[in-house]
Amino acid sequence: MAKRVDDKRFLRLTEKWLKAGVLEEDRKIDYPEEGAPQGGSISPILANIYLHHAIDDWFENVVKPSCDGEAIICRYADDFVCAFQFARDAERFYKVLPKRLEKFKLQLAEDKTRCMQFSRFKPGLTNRFTFLSFEFYWDKDKAGKPRLFRRTVRKKLLATKREYSAYIKKNRHMRTPKLLDALTRKLRGHYNCFGAVGNLGYLHVVYLHVVELLYKWLNRRSGRKSMTWAVLKRLIEYRSLAYPVCKAIEGRAKVWL
């Protein structure tokens, strides 16, 4: 950090963070000699700075010049994907990477690390990988041309459905218009995060799950079944519950019931 930052007070504060103790569950304070405090607010920043020197700079200044073809890296926190034009470059990098990380006392997660062929010349779900809660794969579009698609990882999709189930069950006492408005905000956030080419179907899965939960829990607020599908449909249309649509047809009101 001293190579890029000239603020002595900031560097001194960072050094204090590294030496700060960690309060354990048994109320004892532990002073780890390595790494940043787990869960500390400064930990993500320090991790990014550390990995920038350990991986990013090394990849740009050492790995790329030594490759026979093009090479790129995409890193987010401690997750990263590297792509190479030629297989020999990828295999050579795959062998050298663990040695590079060992110099910085880091290790690869073997169950999440692999070297694979990922190309438009071999479309399908056989060659796919997971990155940032997305599953990346090549497939043909409606015109028959190969295109890179993304879809929500099944584990993340199930977790999202469980979160909505818990939220609607907990807040079923709210007035229906307010509940629908709150769900609209949550759904829009989900669509903005996972709205990618090839993932529209999984957005519909979340939307339909929310509608089914509304029908279930709104009918349990009284002793009798007071909410019909027709009434719920009118409420959804009136409160404009966020519906997943393609950008080409954005703005058209649609309701699936």
C-alpha atoms as a PDB file:
ATOM      1  CA  MET A   1       0.000   0.000   0.000  1.00  0.00           C
ATOM      2  CA  ALA A   2       2.905   2.353   0.696  1.00  0.00           C
ATOM      3  CA  LYS A   3       3.778   2.218  -3.012  1.00  0.00           C
ATOM      4  CA  ARG A   4       0.428   3.758  -3.977  1.00  0.00           C
ATOM      5  CA  VAL A   5      -0.682   5.688  -0.852  1.00  0.00           C
ATOM      6  CA  ASP A   6       1.248   8.578   0.656  1.00  0.00           C
ATOM      7  CA  ASP A   7      -1.116   9.204   3.578  1.00  0.00           C
ATOM      8  CA  LYS A   8       0.869   8.187   6.663  1.00  0.00           C
ATOM      9  CA  ARG A   9      -2.170   8.327   8.934  1.00  0.00           C
ATOM     10  CA  PHE A  10      -4.101   5.973   6.656  1.00  0.00           C
ATOM     11  CA  LEU A  11      -1.201   3.515   6.557  1.00  0.00           C
ATOM     12  CA  ARG A  12      -0.864   3.671  10.336  1.00  0.00           C
ATOM     13  CA  LEU A  13      -4.609   3.049  10.743  1.00  0.00           C
ATOM     14  CA  THR A  14      -4.411   0.046   8.406  1.00  0.00           C
ATOM     15  CA  GLU A  15      -1.539  -1.377  10.447  1.00  0.00           C
ATOM     16  CA  LYS A  16      -3.662  -1.067  13.581  1.00  0.00           C
ATOM     17  CA  TRP A  17      -6.468  -2.955  11.858  1.00  0.00           C
ATOM     18  CA  LEU A  18      -4.090  -5.805  11.083  1.00  0.00           C
ATOM     19  CA  LYS A  19      -3.040  -5.978  14.724  1.00  0.00           C
ATOM     20  CA  ALA A  20      -6.555  -5.651  16.129  1.00  0.00           C
ATOM     21  CA  GLY A  21      -7.835  -8.492  18.271  1.00  0.00           C
ATOM     22  CA  VAL A  22     -10.864 -10.651  17.513  1.00  0.00           C
ATOM     23  CA  LEU A  23     -13.550 -11.184  20.167  1.00  0.00           C
ATOM     24  CA  GLU A  24     -14.451 -14.872  20.242  1.00  0.00           C
ATOM     25  CA  GLU A  25     -17.753 -16.407  21.357  1.00  0.00           C
ATOM     26  CA  ASP A  26     -16.289 -17.293  24.762  1.00  0.00           C
ATOM     27  CA  ARG A  27     -15.571 -13.548  25.302  1.00  0.00           C
ATOM     28  CA  LYS A  28     -11.823 -14.040  24.892  1.00  0.00           C
ATOM     29  CA  ILE A  29      -9.792 -11.804  22.592  1.00  0.00           C
ATOM     30  CA  ASP A  30      -7.593 -13.550  20.043  1.00  0.00           C
ATOM     31  CA  TYR A  31      -4.697 -11.800  18.294  1.00  0.00           C
ATOM     32  CA  PRO A  32      -4.059 -13.652  15.020  1.00  0.00           C
ATOM     33  CA  GLU A  33      -0.612 -13.261  13.499  1.00  0.00           C
ATOM     34  CA  GLU A  34      -1.815 -13.692   9.907  1.00  0.00           C
ATOM     35  CA  GLY A  35      -4.654 -12.253   7.864  1.00  0.00           C
ATOM     36  CA  ALA A  36      -7.262  -9.620   8.640  1.00  0.00           C
ATOM     37  CA  PRO A  37      -9.960  -9.961  11.328  1.00  0.00           C
ATOM     38  CA  GLN A  38     -12.735 -12.257  10.116  1.00  0.00           C
ATOM     39  CA  GLY A  39     -15.853 -10.181   9.529  1.00  0.00           C
ATOM     40  CA  GLY A  40     -14.053  -6.890  10.044  1.00  0.00           C
ATOM     41  CA  SER A  41     -15.221  -3.909   7.989  1.00  0.00           C
ATOM     42  CA  ILE A  42     -11.690  -3.405   6.658  1.00  0.00           C
ATOM     43  CA  SER A  43     -11.193  -7.045   5.645  1.00  0.00           C
ATOM     44  CA  PRO A  44     -12.690  -6.827   2.091  1.00  0.00           C
ATOM     45  CA  ILE A  45     -10.562  -3.762   1.280  1.00  0.00           C
ATOM     46  CA  LEU A  46      -7.357  -5.336   2.556  1.00  0.00           C
ATOM     47  CA  ALA A  47      -8.149  -8.608   0.747  1.00  0.00           C
ATOM     48  CA  ASN A  48      -8.623  -6.771  -2.553  1.00  0.00           C
ATOM     49  CA  ILE A  49      -5.379  -4.858  -2.103  1.00  0.00           C
ATOM     50  CA  TYR A  50      -3.509  -8.037  -1.218  1.00  0.00           C
ATOM     51  CA  LEU A  51      -4.896 -10.016  -4.146  1.00  0.00           C
ATOM     52  CA  HIS A  52      -4.288  -7.131  -6.535  1.00  0.00           C
ATOM     53  CA  HIS A  53      -0.571  -7.510  -5.901  1.00  0.00           C
ATOM     54  CA  ALA A  54      -0.631 -11.295  -5.617  1.00  0.00           C
ATOM     55  CA  ILE A  55      -2.740 -12.016  -8.717  1.00  0.00           C
ATOM     56  CA  ASP A  56      -3.754  -9.013 -10.824  1.00  0.00           C
ATOM     57  CA  ASP A  57      -0.343  -7.348 -11.250  1.00  0.00           C
ATOM     58  CA  TRP A  58       1.368 -10.695 -11.717  1.00  0.00           C
ATOM     59  CA  PHE A  59      -1.155 -11.740 -14.375  1.00  0.00           C
ATOM     60  CA  GLU A  60      -0.809  -8.484 -16.342  1.00  0.00           C
ATOM     61  CA  ASN A  61       2.978  -8.124 -16.127  1.00  0.00           C
ATOM     62  CA  VAL A  62       4.186 -11.736 -16.119  1.00  0.00           C
ATOM     63  CA  VAL A  63       1.520 -14.163 -17.321  1.00  0.00           C
ATOM     64  CA  LYS A  64       0.101 -12.272 -20.313  1.00  0.00           C
ATOM     65  CA  PRO A  65       3.472 -11.399 -21.899  1.00  0.00           C
ATOM     66  CA  SER A  66       4.517 -15.057 -21.691  1.00  0.00           C
ATOM     67  CA  CYS A  67       1.365 -16.378 -23.407  1.00  0.00           C
ATOM     68  CA  ASP A  68       1.275 -17.275 -27.090  1.00  0.00           C
ATOM     69  CA  GLY A  69      -2.303 -15.992 -27.451  1.00  0.00           C
ATOM     70  CA  GLU A  70      -4.706 -13.637 -25.728  1.00  0.00           C
ATOM     71  CA  ALA A  71      -5.380 -13.956 -21.998  1.00  0.00           C
ATOM     72  CA  ILE A  72      -7.795 -12.172 -19.691  1.00  0.00           C
ATOM     73  CA  ILE A  73      -8.701 -12.305 -16.016  1.00  0.00           C
ATOM     74  CA  CYS A  74     -11.904 -11.346 -14.235  1.00  0.00           C
ATOM     75  CA  ARG A  75     -11.667 -11.168 -10.440  1.00  0.00           C
ATOM     76  CA  TYR A  76     -14.241 -10.245  -7.821  1.00  0.00           C
ATOM     77  CA  ALA A  77     -12.915 -10.424  -4.257  1.00  0.00           C
ATOM     78  CA  ASP A  78     -11.321 -13.879  -3.925  1.00  0.00           C
ATOM     79  CA  ASP A  79     -13.168 -15.419  -6.893  1.00  0.00           C
ATOM     80  CA  PHE A  80     -11.612 -15.122 -10.332  1.00  0.00           C
ATOM     81  CA  VAL A  81     -11.845 -16.626 -13.808  1.00  0.00           C
ATOM     82  CA  CYS A  82      -8.982 -16.689 -16.321  1.00  0.00           C
ATOM     83  CA  ALA A  83      -9.488 -17.249 -20.043  1.00  0.00           C
ATOM     84  CA  PHE A  84      -6.807 -18.178 -22.568  1.00  0.00           C
ATOM     85  CA  GLN A  85      -6.881 -18.433 -26.326  1.00  0.00           C
ATOM     86  CA  PHE A  86      -4.695 -21.556 -26.410  1.00  0.00           C
ATOM     87  CA  ALA A  87      -4.958 -24.632 -24.205  1.00  0.00           C
ATOM     88  CA  ARG A  88      -1.192 -24.807 -23.642  1.00  0.00           C
ATOM     89  CA  ASP A  89      -1.235 -21.351 -22.038  1.00  0.00           C
ATOM     90  CA  ALA A  90      -4.109 -22.338 -19.751  1.00  0.00           C
ATOM     91  CA  GLU A  91      -2.431 -25.580 -18.671  1.00  0.00           C
ATOM     92  CA  ARG A  92       0.857 -23.823 -17.957  1.00  0.00           C
ATOM     93  CA  PHE A  93      -0.924 -21.157 -15.878  1.00  0.00           C
ATOM     94  CA  TYR A  94      -2.923 -23.826 -14.027  1.00  0.00           C
ATOM     95  CA  LYS A  95       0.311 -25.492 -12.900  1.00  0.00           C
ATOM     96  CA  VAL A  96       2.060 -22.274 -11.869  1.00  0.00           C
ATOM     97  CA  LEU A  97      -0.855 -20.636 -10.029  1.00  0.00           C
ATOM     98  CA  PRO A  98      -0.639 -22.708  -6.792  1.00  0.00           C
ATOM     99  CA  LYS A  99       3.084 -21.935  -6.509  1.00  0.00           C
ATOM    100  CA  ARG A 100       2.402 -18.229  -6.941  1.00  0.00           C
ATOM    101  CA  LEU A 101      -0.225 -18.215  -4.209  1.00  0.00           C
ATOM    102  CA  GLU A 102       1.991 -20.189  -1.830  1.00  0.00           C
ATOM    103  CA  LYS A 103       4.445 -17.282  -1.847  1.00  0.00           C
ATOM    104  CA  PHE A 104       1.692 -15.174  -0.277  1.00  0.00           C
ATOM    105  CA  LYS A 105       0.569 -17.956   2.087  1.00  0.00           C
ATOM    106  CA  LEU A 106      -2.622 -18.533   0.107  1.00  0.00           C
ATOM    107  CA  GLN A 107      -4.189 -21.750  -1.168  1.00  0.00           C
ATOM    108  CA  LEU A 108      -6.616 -22.623  -3.933  1.00  0.00           C
ATOM    109  CA  ALA A 109      -9.930 -24.249  -3.129  1.00  0.00           C
ATOM    110  CA  GLU A 110      -9.384 -27.513  -4.999  1.00  0.00           C
ATOM    111  CA  ASP A 111     -13.084 -28.354  -5.126  1.00  0.00           C
ATOM    112  CA  LYS A 112     -13.814 -25.040  -6.892  1.00  0.00           C
ATOM    113  CA  THR A 113     -10.775 -24.848  -9.187  1.00  0.00           C
ATOM    114  CA  ARG A 114     -10.414 -26.595 -12.534  1.00  0.00           C
ATOM    115  CA  CYS A 115      -9.060 -26.195 -16.037  1.00  0.00           C
ATOM    116  CA  MET A 116     -11.659 -26.723 -18.764  1.00  0.00           C
ATOM    117  CA  GLN A 117     -12.419 -26.062 -22.400  1.00  0.00           C
ATOM    118  CA  PHE A 118     -15.011 -23.323 -22.744  1.00  0.00           C
ATOM    119  CA  SER A 119     -15.676 -22.317 -26.324  1.00  0.00           C
ATOM    120  CA  ARG A 120     -18.459 -21.450 -28.737  1.00  0.00           C
ATOM    121  CA  PHE A 121     -17.316 -24.404 -30.831  1.00  0.00           C
ATOM    122  CA  LYS A 122     -18.570 -26.765 -28.094  1.00  0.00           C
ATOM    123  CA  PRO A 123     -21.943 -25.391 -26.948  1.00  0.00           C
ATOM    124  CA  GLY A 124     -24.153 -27.058 -24.393  1.00  0.00           C
ATOM    125  CA  LEU A 125     -24.388 -27.568 -20.656  1.00  0.00           C
ATOM    126  CA  THR A 126     -21.589 -30.132 -20.589  1.00  0.00           C
ATOM    127  CA  ASN A 127     -18.948 -27.379 -20.550  1.00  0.00           C
ATOM    128  CA  ARG A 128     -20.093 -24.835 -17.994  1.00  0.00           C
ATOM    129  CA  PHE A 129     -18.762 -23.106 -14.903  1.00  0.00           C
ATOM    130  CA  THR A 130     -20.102 -21.124 -11.949  1.00  0.00           C
ATOM    131  CA  PHE A 131     -19.036 -17.581 -11.135  1.00  0.00           C
ATOM    132  CA  LEU A 132     -20.737 -15.032  -8.841  1.00  0.00           C
ATOM    133  CA  SER A 133     -23.955 -17.063  -8.474  1.00  0.00           C
ATOM    134  CA  PHE A 134     -24.242 -17.437 -12.268  1.00  0.00           C
ATOM    135  CA  GLU A 135     -23.788 -20.509 -14.402  1.00  0.00           C
ATOM    136  CA  PHE A 136     -22.021 -19.663 -17.674  1.00  0.00           C
ATOM    137  CA  TYR A 137     -22.494 -21.811 -20.768  1.00  0.00           C
ATOM    138  CA  TRP A 138     -22.491 -21.599 -24.567  1.00  0.00           C
ATOM    139  CA  ASP A 139     -25.631 -22.343 -26.530  1.00  0.00           C
ATOM    140  CA  LYS A 140     -27.334 -21.385 -29.779  1.00  0.00           C
ATOM    141  CA  ASP A 141     -29.798 -18.514 -29.873  1.00  0.00           C
ATOM    142  CA  LYS A 142     -33.023 -18.394 -31.880  1.00  0.00           C
ATOM    143  CA  ALA A 143     -31.058 -17.490 -35.006  1.00  0.00           C
ATOM    144  CA  GLY A 144     -28.877 -20.576 -34.616  1.00  0.00           C
ATOM    145  CA  LYS A 145     -25.754 -18.599 -33.713  1.00  0.00           C
ATOM    146  CA  PRO A 146     -23.619 -19.533 -30.683  1.00  0.00           C
ATOM    147  CA  ARG A 147     -23.984 -17.145 -27.779  1.00  0.00           C
ATOM    148  CA  LEU A 148     -22.762 -16.979 -24.194  1.00  0.00           C
ATOM    149  CA  PHE A 149     -25.650 -17.448 -21.756  1.00  0.00           C
ATOM    150  CA  ARG A 150     -25.942 -17.033 -18.014  1.00  0.00           C
ATOM    151  CA  ARG A 151     -28.461 -18.422 -15.590  1.00  0.00           C
ATOM    152  CA  THR A 152     -28.874 -18.427 -11.826  1.00  0.00           C
ATOM    153  CA  VAL A 153     -27.115 -21.254 -10.037  1.00  0.00           C
ATOM    154  CA  ARG A 154     -29.657 -23.728  -8.701  1.00  0.00           C
ATOM    155  CA  LYS A 155     -28.321 -23.424  -5.146  1.00  0.00           C
ATOM    156  CA  LYS A 156     -28.784 -19.642  -5.235  1.00  0.00           C
ATOM    157  CA  LEU A 157     -32.242 -19.990  -6.803  1.00  0.00           C
ATOM    158  CA  LEU A 158     -33.413 -22.286  -4.022  1.00  0.00           C
ATOM    159  CA  ALA A 159     -31.959 -19.957  -1.387  1.00  0.00           C
ATOM    160  CA  THR A 160     -33.804 -16.998  -2.945  1.00  0.00           C
ATOM    161  CA  LYS A 161     -37.103 -18.874  -2.894  1.00  0.00           C
ATOM    162  CA  ARG A 162     -36.572 -19.749   0.773  1.00  0.00           C
ATOM    163  CA  GLU A 163     -35.882 -16.093   1.587  1.00  0.00           C
ATOM    164  CA  TYR A 164     -39.127 -14.977  -0.049  1.00  0.00           C
ATOM    165  CA  SER A 165     -41.030 -17.731   1.731  1.00  0.00           C
ATOM    166  CA  ALA A 166     -39.719 -16.595   5.104  1.00  0.00           C
ATOM    167  CA  TYR A 167     -40.327 -12.907   4.323  1.00  0.00           C
ATOM    168  CA  ILE A 168     -43.944 -13.312   3.205  1.00  0.00           C
ATOM    169  CA  LYS A 169     -44.763 -15.636   6.093  1.00  0.00           C
ATOM    170  CA  LYS A 170     -43.285 -13.180   8.596  1.00  0.00           C
ATOM    171  CA  ASN A 171     -44.987 -10.110   7.104  1.00  0.00           C
ATOM    172  CA  ARG A 172     -48.344 -11.591   6.138  1.00  0.00           C
ATOM    173  CA  HIS A 173     -49.978  -9.338   8.765  1.00  0.00           C
ATOM    174  CA  MET A 174     -49.115  -6.225   6.716  1.00  0.00           C
ATOM    175  CA  ARG A 175     -51.771  -4.470   4.697  1.00  0.00           C
ATOM    176  CA  THR A 176     -51.884  -6.113   1.288  1.00  0.00           C
ATOM    177  CA  PRO A 177     -50.943  -2.960  -0.715  1.00  0.00           C
ATOM    178  CA  LYS A 178     -47.913  -2.322   1.494  1.00  0.00           C
ATOM    179  CA  LEU A 179     -46.847  -5.953   1.282  1.00  0.00           C
ATOM    180  CA  LEU A 180     -47.088  -5.869  -2.518  1.00  0.00           C
ATOM    181  CA  ASP A 181     -45.076  -2.633  -2.669  1.00  0.00           C
ATOM    182  CA  ALA A 182     -42.366  -4.132  -0.450  1.00  0.00           C
ATOM    183  CA  LEU A 183     -42.219  -7.248  -2.628  1.00  0.00           C
ATOM    184  CA  THR A 184     -41.976  -5.076  -5.750  1.00  0.00           C
ATOM    185  CA  ARG A 185     -38.851  -3.410  -4.368  1.00  0.00           C
ATOM    186  CA  LYS A 186     -37.320  -6.763  -3.509  1.00  0.00           C
ATOM    187  CA  LEU A 187     -38.185  -8.269  -6.891  1.00  0.00           C
ATOM    188  CA  ARG A 188     -36.762  -5.308  -8.787  1.00  0.00           C
ATOM    189  CA  GLY A 189     -33.513  -5.710  -6.913  1.00  0.00           C
ATOM    190  CA  HIS A 190     -33.447  -9.393  -7.824  1.00  0.00           C
ATOM    191  CA  TYR A 191     -34.187  -8.670 -11.492  1.00  0.00           C
ATOM    192  CA  ASN A 192     -31.455  -6.027 -11.650  1.00  0.00           C
ATOM    193  CA  CYS A 193     -28.945  -8.459 -10.174  1.00  0.00           C
ATOM    194  CA  PHE A 194     -29.859 -11.584 -12.138  1.00  0.00           C
ATOM    195  CA  GLY A 195     -31.375 -10.085 -15.282  1.00  0.00           C
ATOM    196  CA  ALA A 196     -28.987 -11.549 -17.866  1.00  0.00           C
ATOM    197  CA  VAL A 197     -29.244 -13.085 -21.324  1.00  0.00           C
ATOM    198  CA  GLY A 198     -30.689 -16.580 -20.987  1.00  0.00           C
ATOM    199  CA  ASN A 199     -31.917 -16.115 -17.411  1.00  0.00           C
ATOM    200  CA  LEU A 200     -35.437 -14.815 -18.022  1.00  0.00           C
ATOM    201  CA  GLY A 201     -36.967 -18.215 -17.274  1.00  0.00           C
ATOM    202  CA  TYR A 202     -35.413 -18.331 -13.808  1.00  0.00           C
ATOM    203  CA  LEU A 203     -36.702 -14.817 -13.102  1.00  0.00           C
ATOM    204  CA  HIS A 204     -40.173 -16.098 -13.902  1.00  0.00           C
ATOM    205  CA  VAL A 205     -39.641 -18.972 -11.456  1.00  0.00           C
ATOM    206  CA  VAL A 206     -39.020 -16.478  -8.629  1.00  0.00           C
ATOM    207  CA  TYR A 207     -41.980 -14.315  -9.655  1.00  0.00           C
ATOM    208  CA  LEU A 208     -44.402 -17.247  -9.786  1.00  0.00           C
ATOM    209  CA  HIS A 209     -43.098 -18.482  -6.447  1.00  0.00           C
ATOM    210  CA  VAL A 210     -43.901 -15.096  -4.887  1.00  0.00           C
ATOM    211  CA  VAL A 211     -47.422 -15.079  -6.387  1.00  0.00           C
ATOM    212  CA  GLU A 212     -48.138 -18.579  -5.089  1.00  0.00           C
ATOM    213  CA  LEU A 213     -46.908 -17.607  -1.619  1.00  0.00           C
ATOM    214  CA  LEU A 214     -49.145 -14.528  -1.633  1.00  0.00           C
ATOM    215  CA  TYR A 215     -52.164 -16.648  -2.471  1.00  0.00           C
ATOM    216  CA  LYS A 216     -51.255 -19.124   0.264  1.00  0.00           C
ATOM    217  CA  TRP A 217     -50.571 -16.733   3.145  1.00  0.00           C
ATOM    218  CA  LEU A 218     -53.173 -14.084   2.361  1.00  0.00           C
ATOM    219  CA  ASN A 219     -55.791 -16.828   2.616  1.00  0.00           C
ATOM    220  CA  ARG A 220     -54.540 -17.790   6.074  1.00  0.00           C
ATOM    221  CA  ARG A 221     -55.018 -14.388   7.639  1.00  0.00           C
ATOM    222  CA  SER A 222     -58.645 -15.182   8.452  1.00  0.00           C
ATOM    223  CA  GLY A 223     -60.688 -18.228   9.261  1.00  0.00           C
ATOM    224  CA  ARG A 224     -62.068 -18.496   5.767  1.00  0.00           C
ATOM    225  CA  LYS A 225     -60.642 -18.481   2.249  1.00  0.00           C
ATOM    226  CA  SER A 226     -61.154 -14.840   1.335  1.00  0.00           C
ATOM    227  CA  MET A 227     -58.576 -14.384  -1.441  1.00  0.00           C
ATOM    228  CA  THR A 228     -59.394 -15.799  -4.860  1.00  0.00           C
ATOM    229  CA  TRP A 229     -57.090 -15.862  -7.862  1.00  0.00           C
ATOM    230  CA  ALA A 230     -59.239 -13.235  -9.593  1.00  0.00           C
ATOM    231  CA  VAL A 231     -58.981 -10.837  -6.640  1.00  0.00           C
ATOM    232  CA  LEU A 232     -55.246 -11.431  -6.300  1.00  0.00           C
ATOM    233  CA  LYS A 233     -54.762 -10.788 -10.009  1.00  0.00           C
ATOM    234  CA  ARG A 234     -56.543  -7.443  -9.757  1.00  0.00           C
ATOM    235  CA  LEU A 235     -54.415  -6.468  -6.741  1.00  0.00           C
ATOM    236  CA  ILE A 236     -51.200  -7.400  -8.538  1.00  0.00           C
ATOM    237  CA  GLU A 237     -52.205  -5.378 -11.588  1.00  0.00           C
ATOM    238  CA  TYR A 238     -53.310  -2.393  -9.501  1.00  0.00           C
ATOM    239  CA  ARG A 239     -50.133  -2.288  -7.357  1.00  0.00           C
ATOM    240  CA  SER A 240     -47.920  -3.164 -10.380  1.00  0.00           C
ATOM    241  CA  LEU A 241     -46.049  -6.053  -8.801  1.00  0.00           C
ATOM    242  CA  ALA A 242     -42.680  -6.161 -10.580  1.00  0.00           C
ATOM    243  CA  TYR A 243     -42.815  -8.617 -13.470  1.00  0.00           C
ATOM    244  CA  PRO A 244     -39.701  -9.945 -15.259  1.00  0.00           C
ATOM    245  CA  VAL A 245     -39.683  -8.889 -18.907  1.00  0.00           C
ATOM    246  CA  CYS A 246     -37.119  -8.643 -21.690  1.00  0.00           C
ATOM    247  CA  LYS A 247     -35.838  -5.164 -22.483  1.00  0.00           C
ATOM    248  CA  ALA A 248     -37.534  -5.408 -25.868  1.00  0.00           C
ATOM    249  CA  ILE A 249     -40.972  -5.638 -24.256  1.00  0.00           C
ATOM    250  CA  GLU A 250     -40.263  -3.696 -21.081  1.00  0.00           C
ATOM    251  CA  GLY A 251     -43.198  -1.620 -19.936  1.00  0.00           C
ATOM    252  CA  ARG A 252     -45.938  -4.030 -20.938  1.00  0.00           C
ATOM    253  CA  ALA A 253     -48.041  -5.121 -17.987  1.00  0.00           C
ATOM    254  CA  LYS A 254     -48.174  -8.889 -17.632  1.00  0.00           C
ATOM    255  CA  VAL A 255     -49.416 -11.164 -14.882  1.00  0.00           C
ATOM    256  CA  TRP A 256     -48.989 -14.913 -14.670  1.00  0.00           C
ATOM    257  CA  LEU A 257     -51.590 -16.688 -12.580  1.00  0.00           C
END
